């Protein structure tokens, strides 16, 4: 069942259908986007990997948040890594065992 669109979406759709919208992307950007889409869509090999249950659960949660299947998320992350577009950020520090409170408050 289609989701109803709001007033702003309706205005955008009407402007698009009337040809009033113009792309702001350059030819080189469009070529890069097309190449990325083509490379992402071409899935001609199958790979099986083993993951920890915790990592798989975390990936599935992230995929739900992004609204994509978890296999697609994994493929996207790997694609970004091999193309050099995956940026590393400092890991958030987990509390050490010394600073973790116990049931007894020690």
PDB file of N, CA and C in Angstrom:
ATOM      1  N   UNK A   1       0.843  -1.182   0.000  1.00  0.00           N
ATOM      2  CA  UNK A   1       0.000   0.000   0.000  1.00  0.00           C
ATOM      3  C   UNK A   1       0.889   1.247   0.000  1.00  0.00           C
ATOM      4  N   UNK A   2       0.716   2.150  -0.957  1.00  0.00           N
ATOM      5  CA  UNK A   2       1.546   3.352  -1.029  1.00  0.00           C
ATOM      6  C   UNK A   2       1.327   4.264   0.174  1.00  0.00           C
ATOM      7  N   UNK A   3       2.422   4.911   0.584  1.00  0.00           N
ATOM      8  CA  UNK A   3       2.349   5.869   1.678  1.00  0.00           C
ATOM      9  C   UNK A   3       1.905   7.208   1.096  1.00  0.00           C
ATOM     10  N   UNK A   4       0.930   7.863   1.717  1.00  0.00           N
ATOM     11  CA  UNK A   4       0.492   9.159   1.183  1.00  0.00           C
ATOM     12  C   UNK A   4       1.613  10.193   1.299  1.00  0.00           C
ATOM     13  N   UNK A   5       1.679  11.107   0.329  1.00  0.00           N
ATOM     14  CA  UNK A   5       2.721  12.131   0.352  1.00  0.00           C
ATOM     15  C   UNK A   5       2.154  13.428   0.923  1.00  0.00           C
ATOM     16  N   UNK A   6       3.045  14.214   1.550  1.00  0.00           N
ATOM     17  CA  UNK A   6       2.594  15.469   2.147  1.00  0.00           C
ATOM     18  C   UNK A   6       2.616  16.596   1.106  1.00  0.00           C
ATOM     19  N   UNK A   7       2.265  17.788   1.513  1.00  0.00           N
ATOM     20  CA  UNK A   7       2.137  18.932   0.605  1.00  0.00           C
ATOM     21  C   UNK A   7       3.469  19.263  -0.073  1.00  0.00           C
ATOM     22  N   UNK A   8       4.576  19.286   0.704  1.00  0.00           N
ATOM     23  CA  UNK A   8       5.889  19.609   0.133  1.00  0.00           C
ATOM     24  C   UNK A   8       6.312  18.568  -0.896  1.00  0.00           C
ATOM     25  N   UNK A   9       6.087  17.301  -0.580  1.00  0.00           N
ATOM     26  CA  UNK A   9       6.429  16.231  -1.517  1.00  0.00           C
ATOM     27  C   UNK A   9       5.599  16.340  -2.783  1.00  0.00           C
ATOM     28  N   UNK A  10       4.355  16.701  -2.627  1.00  0.00           N
ATOM     29  CA  UNK A  10       3.474  16.878  -3.774  1.00  0.00           C
ATOM     30  C   UNK A  10       3.976  18.002  -4.681  1.00  0.00           C
ATOM     31  N   UNK A  11       4.413  19.109  -4.058  1.00  0.00           N
ATOM     32  CA  UNK A  11       4.962  20.229  -4.827  1.00  0.00           C
ATOM     33  C   UNK A  11       6.219  19.817  -5.584  1.00  0.00           C
ATOM     34  N   UNK A  12       7.104  19.073  -4.927  1.00  0.00           N
ATOM     35  CA  UNK A  12       8.330  18.602  -5.579  1.00  0.00           C
ATOM     36  C   UNK A  12       8.013  17.681  -6.744  1.00  0.00           C
ATOM     37  N   UNK A  13       7.087  16.761  -6.531  1.00  0.00           N
ATOM     38  CA  UNK A  13       6.702  15.834  -7.586  1.00  0.00           C
ATOM     39  C   UNK A  13       6.129  16.581  -8.789  1.00  0.00           C
ATOM     40  N   UNK A  14       5.297  17.557  -8.524  1.00  0.00           N
ATOM     41  CA  UNK A  14       4.702  18.340  -9.609  1.00  0.00           C
ATOM     42  C   UNK A  14       5.784  19.112 -10.372  1.00  0.00           C
ATOM     43  N   UNK A  15       6.733  19.715  -9.651  1.00  0.00           N
ATOM     44  CA  UNK A  15       7.814  20.455 -10.308  1.00  0.00           C
ATOM     45  C   UNK A  15       8.669  19.517 -11.148  1.00  0.00           C
ATOM     46  N   UNK A  16       8.926  18.316 -10.650  1.00  0.00           N
ATOM     47  CA  UNK A  16       9.712  17.331 -11.402  1.00  0.00           C
ATOM     48  C   UNK A  16       8.982  16.925 -12.671  1.00  0.00           C
ATOM     49  N   UNK A  17       7.703  16.597 -12.536  1.00  0.00           N
ATOM     50  CA  UNK A  17       6.916  16.162 -13.684  1.00  0.00           C
ATOM     51  C   UNK A  17       6.775  17.243 -14.742  1.00  0.00           C
ATOM     52  N   UNK A  18       6.836  18.510 -14.339  1.00  0.00           N
ATOM     53  CA  UNK A  18       6.728  19.623 -15.286  1.00  0.00           C
ATOM     54  C   UNK A  18       8.097  20.044 -15.828  1.00  0.00           C
ATOM     55  N   UNK A  19       9.160  19.330 -15.419  1.00  0.00           N
ATOM     56  CA  UNK A  19      10.496  19.638 -15.929  1.00  0.00           C
ATOM     57  C   UNK A  19      11.089  20.913 -15.368  1.00  0.00           C
ATOM     58  N   UNK A  20      10.629  21.342 -14.204  1.00  0.00           N
ATOM     59  CA  UNK A  20      11.111  22.592 -13.621  1.00  0.00           C
ATOM     60  C   UNK A  20      12.386  22.415 -12.787  1.00  0.00           C
ATOM     61  N   UNK A  21      12.772  21.182 -12.506  1.00  0.00           N
ATOM     62  CA  UNK A  21      13.956  20.938 -11.680  1.00  0.00           C
ATOM     63  C   UNK A  21      15.169  20.698 -12.569  1.00  0.00           C
ATOM     64  N   UNK A  22      16.286  21.265 -12.188  1.00  0.00           N
ATOM     65  CA  UNK A  22      17.517  21.110 -12.944  1.00  0.00           C
ATOM     66  C   UNK A  22      18.573  20.482 -12.043  1.00  0.00           C
ATOM     67  N   UNK A  23      19.366  19.579 -12.595  1.00  0.00           N
ATOM     68  CA  UNK A  23      20.442  18.938 -11.853  1.00  0.00           C
ATOM     69  C   UNK A  23      21.553  19.937 -11.586  1.00  0.00           C
ATOM     70  N   UNK A  24      22.141  19.858 -10.399  1.00  0.00           N
ATOM     71  CA  UNK A  24      23.276  20.713 -10.067  1.00  0.00           C
ATOM     72  C   UNK A  24      24.585  19.935 -10.129  1.00  0.00           C
ATOM     73  N   UNK A  25      24.506  18.646 -10.473  1.00  0.00           N
ATOM     74  CA  UNK A  25      25.704  17.808 -10.561  1.00  0.00           C
ATOM     75  C   UNK A  25      26.461  18.115 -11.844  1.00  0.00           C
ATOM     76  N   UNK A  26      27.794  18.100 -11.738  1.00  0.00           N
ATOM     77  CA  UNK A  26      28.624  18.296 -12.935  1.00  0.00           C
ATOM     78  C   UNK A  26      28.670  16.991 -13.723  1.00  0.00           C
ATOM     79  N   UNK A  27      29.173  17.076 -14.951  1.00  0.00           N
ATOM     80  CA  UNK A  27      29.278  15.864 -15.772  1.00  0.00           C
ATOM     81  C   UNK A  27      30.200  14.840 -15.120  1.00  0.00           C
ATOM     82  N   UNK A  28      31.287  15.308 -14.504  1.00  0.00           N
ATOM     83  CA  UNK A  28      32.215  14.369 -13.861  1.00  0.00           C
ATOM     84  C   UNK A  28      31.563  13.718 -12.634  1.00  0.00           C
ATOM     85  N   UNK A  29      30.767  14.489 -11.889  1.00  0.00           N
ATOM     86  CA  UNK A  29      30.059  13.908 -10.745  1.00  0.00           C
ATOM     87  C   UNK A  29      29.048  12.868 -11.206  1.00  0.00           C
ATOM     88  N   UNK A  30      28.305  13.186 -12.266  1.00  0.00           N
ATOM     89  CA  UNK A  30      27.326  12.235 -12.787  1.00  0.00           C
ATOM     90  C   UNK A  30      28.007  10.954 -13.256  1.00  0.00           C
ATOM     91  N   UNK A  31      29.149  11.086 -13.921  1.00  0.00           N
ATOM     92  CA  UNK A  31      29.886   9.908 -14.383  1.00  0.00           C
ATOM     93  C   UNK A  31      30.347   9.077 -13.190  1.00  0.00           C
ATOM     94  N   UNK A  32      30.818   9.738 -12.136  1.00  0.00           N
ATOM     95  CA  UNK A  32      31.266   9.031 -10.932  1.00  0.00           C
ATOM     96  C   UNK A  32      30.098   8.325 -10.255  1.00  0.00           C
ATOM     97  N   UNK A  33      28.939   8.996 -10.170  1.00  0.00           N
ATOM     98  CA  UNK A  33      27.752   8.389  -9.560  1.00  0.00           C
ATOM     99  C   UNK A  33      27.285   7.173 -10.362  1.00  0.00           C
ATOM    100  N   UNK A  34      27.298   7.301 -11.683  1.00  0.00           N
ATOM    101  CA  UNK A  34      26.885   6.180 -12.533  1.00  0.00           C
ATOM    102  C   UNK A  34      27.825   4.997 -12.370  1.00  0.00           C
ATOM    103  N   UNK A  35      29.130   5.268 -12.322  1.00  0.00           N
ATOM    104  CA  UNK A  35      30.107   4.189 -12.149  1.00  0.00           C
ATOM    105  C   UNK A  35      29.930   3.510 -10.797  1.00  0.00           C
ATOM    106  N   UNK A  36      29.675   4.295  -9.764  1.00  0.00           N
ATOM    107  CA  UNK A  36      29.466   3.727  -8.431  1.00  0.00           C
ATOM    108  C   UNK A  36      28.205   2.877  -8.403  1.00  0.00           C
ATOM    109  N   UNK A  37      27.149   3.370  -9.024  1.00  0.00           N
ATOM    110  CA  UNK A  37      25.895   2.611  -9.060  1.00  0.00           C
ATOM    111  C   UNK A  37      26.079   1.311  -9.830  1.00  0.00           C
ATOM    112  N   UNK A  38      26.788   1.379 -10.940  1.00  0.00           N
ATOM    113  CA  UNK A  38      27.034   0.190 -11.751  1.00  0.00           C
ATOM    114  C   UNK A  38      27.855  -0.832 -10.962  1.00  0.00           C
ATOM    115  N   UNK A  39      28.906  -0.363 -10.287  1.00  0.00           N
ATOM    116  CA  UNK A  39      29.767  -1.263  -9.518  1.00  0.00           C
ATOM    117  C   UNK A  39      29.025  -1.857  -8.329  1.00  0.00           C
ATOM    118  N   UNK A  40      28.161  -1.067  -7.715  1.00  0.00           N
ATOM    119  CA  UNK A  40      27.402  -1.541  -6.564  1.00  0.00           C
ATOM    120  C   UNK A  40      26.349  -2.553  -6.990  1.00  0.00           C
ATOM    121  N   UNK A  41      25.734  -2.337  -8.138  1.00  0.00           N
ATOM    122  CA  UNK A  41      24.659  -3.217  -8.594  1.00  0.00           C
ATOM    123  C   UNK A  41      25.185  -4.544  -9.127  1.00  0.00           C
ATOM    124  N   UNK A  42      26.435  -4.567  -9.590  1.00  0.00           N
ATOM    125  CA  UNK A  42      27.000  -5.778 -10.167  1.00  0.00           C
ATOM    126  C   UNK A  42      27.441  -6.709  -9.042  1.00  0.00           C
ATOM    127  N   UNK A  43      26.653  -7.717  -8.807  1.00  0.00           N
ATOM    128  CA  UNK A  43      26.960  -8.690  -7.758  1.00  0.00           C
ATOM    129  C   UNK A  43      26.997 -10.058  -8.403  1.00  0.00           C
ATOM    130  N   UNK A  44      28.188 -10.427  -8.844  1.00  0.00           N
ATOM    131  CA  UNK A  44      28.319 -11.672  -9.589  1.00  0.00           C
ATOM    132  C   UNK A  44      29.064 -12.759  -8.823  1.00  0.00           C
ATOM    133  N   UNK A  45      29.407 -12.516  -7.568  1.00  0.00           N
ATOM    134  CA  UNK A  45      30.124 -13.512  -6.778  1.00  0.00           C
ATOM    135  C   UNK A  45      29.473 -13.655  -5.407  1.00  0.00           C
ATOM    136  N   UNK A  46      29.519 -14.865  -4.891  1.00  0.00           N
ATOM    137  CA  UNK A  46      28.984 -15.150  -3.562  1.00  0.00           C
ATOM    138  C   UNK A  46      30.153 -15.404  -2.615  1.00  0.00           C
ATOM    139  N   UNK A  47      30.055 -14.860  -1.393  1.00  0.00           N
ATOM    140  CA  UNK A  47      31.088 -15.039  -0.385  1.00  0.00           C
ATOM    141  C   UNK A  47      30.415 -15.457   0.911  1.00  0.00           C
ATOM    142  N   UNK A  48      30.989 -16.433   1.568  1.00  0.00           N
ATOM    143  CA  UNK A  48      30.502 -16.839   2.886  1.00  0.00           C
ATOM    144  C   UNK A  48      31.544 -16.441   3.919  1.00  0.00           C
ATOM    145  N   UNK A  49      31.104 -15.796   4.990  1.00  0.00           N
ATOM    146  CA  UNK A  49      32.016 -15.409   6.057  1.00  0.00           C
ATOM    147  C   UNK A  49      31.429 -15.813   7.394  1.00  0.00           C
ATOM    148  N   UNK A  50      32.293 -15.962   8.367  1.00  0.00           N
ATOM    149  CA  UNK A  50      31.853 -16.257   9.728  1.00  0.00           C
ATOM    150  C   UNK A  50      32.022 -14.993  10.559  1.00  0.00           C
ATOM    151  N   UNK A  51      30.984 -14.648  11.307  1.00  0.00           N
ATOM    152  CA  UNK A  51      30.998 -13.487  12.187  1.00  0.00           C
ATOM    153  C   UNK A  51      30.589 -13.930  13.580  1.00  0.00           C
ATOM    154  N   UNK A  52      31.011 -13.170  14.568  1.00  0.00           N
ATOM    155  CA  UNK A  52      30.532 -13.469  15.916  1.00  0.00           C
ATOM    156  C   UNK A  52      29.050 -13.105  15.988  1.00  0.00           C
ATOM    157  N   UNK A  53      28.344 -13.776  16.862  1.00  0.00           N
ATOM    158  CA  UNK A  53      26.908 -13.498  17.019  1.00  0.00           C
ATOM    159  C   UNK A  53      26.667 -12.042  17.383  1.00  0.00           C
ATOM    160  N   UNK A  54      27.537 -11.512  18.241  1.00  0.00           N
ATOM    161  CA  UNK A  54      27.387 -10.110  18.663  1.00  0.00           C
ATOM    162  C   UNK A  54      27.565  -9.143  17.514  1.00  0.00           C
ATOM    163  N   UNK A  55      28.610  -9.378  16.683  1.00  0.00           N
ATOM    164  CA  UNK A  55      28.836  -8.502  15.533  1.00  0.00           C
ATOM    165  C   UNK A  55      27.673  -8.579  14.553  1.00  0.00           C
ATOM    166  N   UNK A  56      27.178  -9.778  14.296  1.00  0.00           N
ATOM    167  CA  UNK A  56      26.054  -9.922  13.367  1.00  0.00           C
ATOM    168  C   UNK A  56      24.823  -9.213  13.907  1.00  0.00           C
ATOM    169  N   UNK A  57      24.562  -9.339  15.180  1.00  0.00           N
ATOM    170  CA  UNK A  57      23.410  -8.649  15.787  1.00  0.00           C
ATOM    171  C   UNK A  57      23.563  -7.136  15.659  1.00  0.00           C
ATOM    172  N   UNK A  58      24.777  -6.630  15.922  1.00  0.00           N
ATOM    173  CA  UNK A  58      25.018  -5.189  15.801  1.00  0.00           C
ATOM    174  C   UNK A  58      24.829  -4.720  14.358  1.00  0.00           C
ATOM    175  N   UNK A  59      25.306  -5.525  13.405  1.00  0.00           N
ATOM    176  CA  UNK A  59      25.140  -5.182  11.991  1.00  0.00           C
ATOM    177  C   UNK A  59      23.659  -5.159  11.624  1.00  0.00           C
ATOM    178  N   UNK A  60      22.909  -6.129  12.103  1.00  0.00           N
ATOM    179  CA  UNK A  60      21.479  -6.180  11.800  1.00  0.00           C
ATOM    180  C   UNK A  60      20.753  -4.979  12.391  1.00  0.00           C
ATOM    181  N   UNK A  61      21.148  -4.543  13.586  1.00  0.00           N
ATOM    182  CA  UNK A  61      20.537  -3.357  14.197  1.00  0.00           C
ATOM    183  C   UNK A  61      20.845  -2.123  13.353  1.00  0.00           C
ATOM    184  N   UNK A  62      22.122  -1.965  12.956  1.00  0.00           N
ATOM    185  CA  UNK A  62      22.504  -0.821  12.116  1.00  0.00           C
ATOM    186  C   UNK A  62      21.726  -0.837  10.796  1.00  0.00           C
ATOM    187  N   UNK A  63      21.574  -2.028  10.218  1.00  0.00           N
ATOM    188  CA  UNK A  63      20.852  -2.144   8.947  1.00  0.00           C
ATOM    189  C   UNK A  63      19.392  -1.724   9.125  1.00  0.00           C
ATOM    190  N   UNK A  64      18.782  -2.140  10.227  1.00  0.00           N
ATOM    191  CA  UNK A  64      17.401  -1.714  10.496  1.00  0.00           C
ATOM    192  C   UNK A  64      17.319  -0.201  10.616  1.00  0.00           C
ATOM    193  N   UNK A  65      18.301   0.396  11.316  1.00  0.00           N
ATOM    194  CA  UNK A  65      18.316   1.856  11.467  1.00  0.00           C
ATOM    195  C   UNK A  65      18.441   2.553  10.120  1.00  0.00           C
ATOM    196  N   UNK A  66      19.212   1.947   9.209  1.00  0.00           N
ATOM    197  CA  UNK A  66      19.417   2.528   7.879  1.00  0.00           C
ATOM    198  C   UNK A  66      18.300   2.166   6.899  1.00  0.00           C
ATOM    199  N   UNK A  67      17.495   1.164   7.262  1.00  0.00           N
ATOM    200  CA  UNK A  67      16.398   0.753   6.391  1.00  0.00           C
ATOM    201  C   UNK A  67      16.852  -0.082   5.208  1.00  0.00           C
ATOM    202  N   UNK A  68      17.950  -0.845   5.380  1.00  0.00           N
ATOM    203  CA  UNK A  68      18.457  -1.699   4.309  1.00  0.00           C
ATOM    204  C   UNK A  68      18.654  -3.112   4.847  1.00  0.00           C
ATOM    205  N   UNK A  69      18.648  -4.115   3.975  1.00  0.00           N
ATOM    206  CA  UNK A  69      18.963  -5.475   4.424  1.00  0.00           C
ATOM    207  C   UNK A  69      20.401  -5.535   4.941  1.00  0.00           C
ATOM    208  N   UNK A  70      20.655  -6.392   5.932  1.00  0.00           N
ATOM    209  CA  UNK A  70      21.993  -6.418   6.525  1.00  0.00           C
ATOM    210  C   UNK A  70      23.060  -6.873   5.532  1.00  0.00           C
ATOM    211  N   UNK A  71      22.699  -7.748   4.577  1.00  0.00           N
ATOM    212  CA  UNK A  71      23.682  -8.157   3.575  1.00  0.00           C
ATOM    213  C   UNK A  71      24.104  -6.964   2.709  1.00  0.00           C
ATOM    214  N   UNK A  72      23.136  -6.103   2.394  1.00  0.00           N
ATOM    215  CA  UNK A  72      23.425  -4.904   1.611  1.00  0.00           C
ATOM    216  C   UNK A  72      24.345  -3.977   2.381  1.00  0.00           C
ATOM    217  N   UNK A  73      24.110  -3.831   3.680  1.00  0.00           N
ATOM    218  CA  UNK A  73      24.962  -2.986   4.510  1.00  0.00           C
ATOM    219  C   UNK A  73      26.395  -3.529   4.529  1.00  0.00           C
ATOM    220  N   UNK A  74      26.541  -4.835   4.711  1.00  0.00           N
ATOM    221  CA  UNK A  74      27.872  -5.447   4.716  1.00  0.00           C
ATOM    222  C   UNK A  74      28.570  -5.204   3.380  1.00  0.00           C
ATOM    223  N   UNK A  75      27.862  -5.426   2.269  1.00  0.00           N
ATOM    224  CA  UNK A  75      28.446  -5.219   0.942  1.00  0.00           C
ATOM    225  C   UNK A  75      28.844  -3.754   0.749  1.00  0.00           C
ATOM    226  N   UNK A  76      28.032  -2.839   1.245  1.00  0.00           N
ATOM    227  CA  UNK A  76      28.318  -1.411   1.112  1.00  0.00           C
ATOM    228  C   UNK A  76      29.569  -1.025   1.896  1.00  0.00           C
ATOM    229  N   UNK A  77      29.691  -1.526   3.111  1.00  0.00           N
ATOM    230  CA  UNK A  77      30.866  -1.227   3.930  1.00  0.00           C
ATOM    231  C   UNK A  77      32.125  -1.777   3.266  1.00  0.00           C
ATOM    232  N   UNK A  78      32.062  -3.000   2.773  1.00  0.00           N
ATOM    233  CA  UNK A  78      33.221  -3.581   2.098  1.00  0.00           C
ATOM    234  C   UNK A  78      33.580  -2.800   0.835  1.00  0.00           C
ATOM    235  N   UNK A  79      32.568  -2.389   0.082  1.00  0.00           N
ATOM    236  CA  UNK A  79      32.814  -1.609  -1.139  1.00  0.00           C
ATOM    237  C   UNK A  79      33.486  -0.280  -0.796  1.00  0.00           C
ATOM    238  N   UNK A  80      32.995   0.396   0.225  1.00  0.00           N
ATOM    239  CA  UNK A  80      33.598   1.666   0.629  1.00  0.00           C
ATOM    240  C   UNK A  80      35.040   1.457   1.090  1.00  0.00           C
ATOM    241  N   UNK A  81      35.308   0.354   1.770  1.00  0.00           N
ATOM    242  CA  UNK A  81      36.664   0.064   2.233  1.00  0.00           C
ATOM    243  C   UNK A  81      37.619  -0.129   1.058  1.00  0.00           C
ATOM    244  N   UNK A  82      37.237  -0.960   0.105  1.00  0.00           N
ATOM    245  CA  UNK A  82      38.155  -1.255  -1.002  1.00  0.00           C
ATOM    246  C   UNK A  82      38.322  -0.079  -1.957  1.00  0.00           C
ATOM    247  N   UNK A  83      37.368   0.857  -1.969  1.00  0.00           N
ATOM    248  CA  UNK A  83      37.500   2.034  -2.833  1.00  0.00           C
ATOM    249  C   UNK A  83      38.112   3.219  -2.093  1.00  0.00           C
ATOM    250  N   UNK A  84      38.487   3.007  -0.826  1.00  0.00           N
ATOM    251  CA  UNK A  84      39.145   4.063  -0.059  1.00  0.00           C
ATOM    252  C   UNK A  84      38.212   5.127   0.471  1.00  0.00           C
ATOM    253  N   UNK A  85      36.930   4.877   0.456  1.00  0.00           N
ATOM    254  CA  UNK A  85      35.964   5.881   0.925  1.00  0.00           C
ATOM    255  C   UNK A  85      35.472   5.619   2.339  1.00  0.00           C
ATOM    256  N   UNK A  86      35.980   4.582   2.982  1.00  0.00           N
ATOM    257  CA  UNK A  86      35.592   4.291   4.358  1.00  0.00           C
ATOM    258  C   UNK A  86      36.577   5.002   5.262  1.00  0.00           C
ATOM    259  N   UNK A  87      36.094   5.969   6.016  1.00  0.00           N
ATOM    260  CA  UNK A  87      36.986   6.736   6.878  1.00  0.00           C
ATOM    261  C   UNK A  87      36.975   6.157   8.279  1.00  0.00           C
ATOM    262  N   UNK A  88      38.135   6.162   8.883  1.00  0.00           N
ATOM    263  CA  UNK A  88      38.273   5.618  10.229  1.00  0.00           C
ATOM    264  C   UNK A  88      38.076   6.736  11.233  1.00  0.00           C
ATOM    265  N   UNK A  89      37.329   6.448  12.279  1.00  0.00           N
ATOM    266  CA  UNK A  89      37.206   7.413  13.356  1.00  0.00           C
ATOM    267  C   UNK A  89      37.680   6.749  14.636  1.00  0.00           C
ATOM    268  N   UNK A  90      38.088   7.553  15.588  1.00  0.00           N
ATOM    269  CA  UNK A  90      38.571   6.966  16.841  1.00  0.00           C
ATOM    270  C   UNK A  90      37.489   6.101  17.480  1.00  0.00           C
ATOM    271  N   UNK A  91      37.917   4.943  17.962  1.00  0.00           N
ATOM    272  CA  UNK A  91      36.971   4.040  18.618  1.00  0.00           C
ATOM    273  C   UNK A  91      36.518   4.654  19.926  1.00  0.00           C
ATOM    274  N   UNK A  92      35.232   4.495  20.227  1.00  0.00           N
ATOM    275  CA  UNK A  92      34.756   4.968  21.528  1.00  0.00           C
ATOM    276  C   UNK A  92      35.285   4.008  22.574  1.00  0.00           C
ATOM    277  N   UNK A  93      35.785   4.563  23.643  1.00  0.00           N
ATOM    278  CA  UNK A  93      36.412   3.732  24.664  1.00  0.00           C
ATOM    279  C   UNK A  93      35.362   3.088  25.532  1.00  0.00           C
ATOM    280  N   UNK A  94      35.436   1.773  25.632  1.00  0.00           N
ATOM    281  CA  UNK A  94      34.540   1.035  26.524  1.00  0.00           C
ATOM    282  C   UNK A  94      35.083   1.180  27.939  1.00  0.00           C
ATOM    283  N   UNK A  95      34.208   1.207  28.939  1.00  0.00           N
ATOM    284  CA  UNK A  95      34.699   1.317  30.311  1.00  0.00           C
ATOM    285  C   UNK A  95      35.555   0.107  30.658  1.00  0.00           C
ATOM    286  N   UNK A  96      36.632   0.352  31.352  1.00  0.00           N
ATOM    287  CA  UNK A  96      37.507  -0.755  31.742  1.00  0.00           C
ATOM    288  C   UNK A  96      36.878  -1.539  32.879  1.00  0.00           C
ATOM    289  N   UNK A  97      37.406  -2.733  33.117  1.00  0.00           N
ATOM    290  CA  UNK A  97      36.864  -3.590  34.170  1.00  0.00           C
ATOM    291  C   UNK A  97      36.997  -2.913  35.531  1.00  0.00           C
ATOM    292  N   UNK A  98      38.042  -2.098  35.719  1.00  0.00           N
ATOM    293  CA  UNK A  98      38.245  -1.429  36.999  1.00  0.00           C
ATOM    294  C   UNK A  98      37.152  -0.406  37.280  1.00  0.00           C
ATOM    295  N   UNK A  99      36.646   0.260  36.249  1.00  0.00           N
ATOM    296  CA  UNK A  99      35.670   1.318  36.466  1.00  0.00           C
ATOM    297  C   UNK A  99      34.232   0.823  36.394  1.00  0.00           C
ATOM    298  N   UNK A 100      34.036  -0.452  36.073  1.00  0.00           N
ATOM    299  CA  UNK A 100      32.683  -0.994  35.963  1.00  0.00           C
ATOM    300  C   UNK A 100      32.158  -1.344  37.344  1.00  0.00           C
ATOM    301  N   UNK A 101      31.054  -0.733  37.775  1.00  0.00           N
ATOM    302  CA  UNK A 101      30.516  -1.052  39.097  1.00  0.00           C
ATOM    303  C   UNK A 101      30.000  -2.476  39.156  1.00  0.00           C
ATOM    304  N   UNK A 102      30.110  -3.086  40.300  1.00  0.00           N
ATOM    305  CA  UNK A 102      29.592  -4.427  40.505  1.00  0.00           C
ATOM    306  C   UNK A 102      28.279  -4.354  41.256  1.00  0.00           C
ATOM    307  N   UNK A 103      27.642  -5.516  41.419  1.00  0.00           N
ATOM    308  CA  UNK A 103      26.374  -5.549  42.155  1.00  0.00           C
ATOM    309  C   UNK A 103      26.541  -5.041  43.584  1.00  0.00           C
ATOM    310  N   UNK A 104      27.727  -5.269  44.154  1.00  0.00           N
ATOM    311  CA  UNK A 104      27.947  -4.924  45.558  1.00  0.00           C
ATOM    312  C   UNK A 104      28.454  -3.520  45.725  1.00  0.00           C
ATOM    313  N   UNK A 105      28.579  -2.775  44.625  1.00  0.00           N
ATOM    314  CA  UNK A 105      29.000  -1.381  44.708  1.00  0.00           C
ATOM    315  C   UNK A 105      30.491  -1.228  44.915  1.00  0.00           C
ATOM    316  N   UNK A 106      31.273  -2.258  44.749  1.00  0.00           N
ATOM    317  CA  UNK A 106      32.715  -2.175  44.988  1.00  0.00           C
ATOM    318  C   UNK A 106      33.443  -1.646  43.790  1.00  0.00           C
TER     319      UNK A 106
END
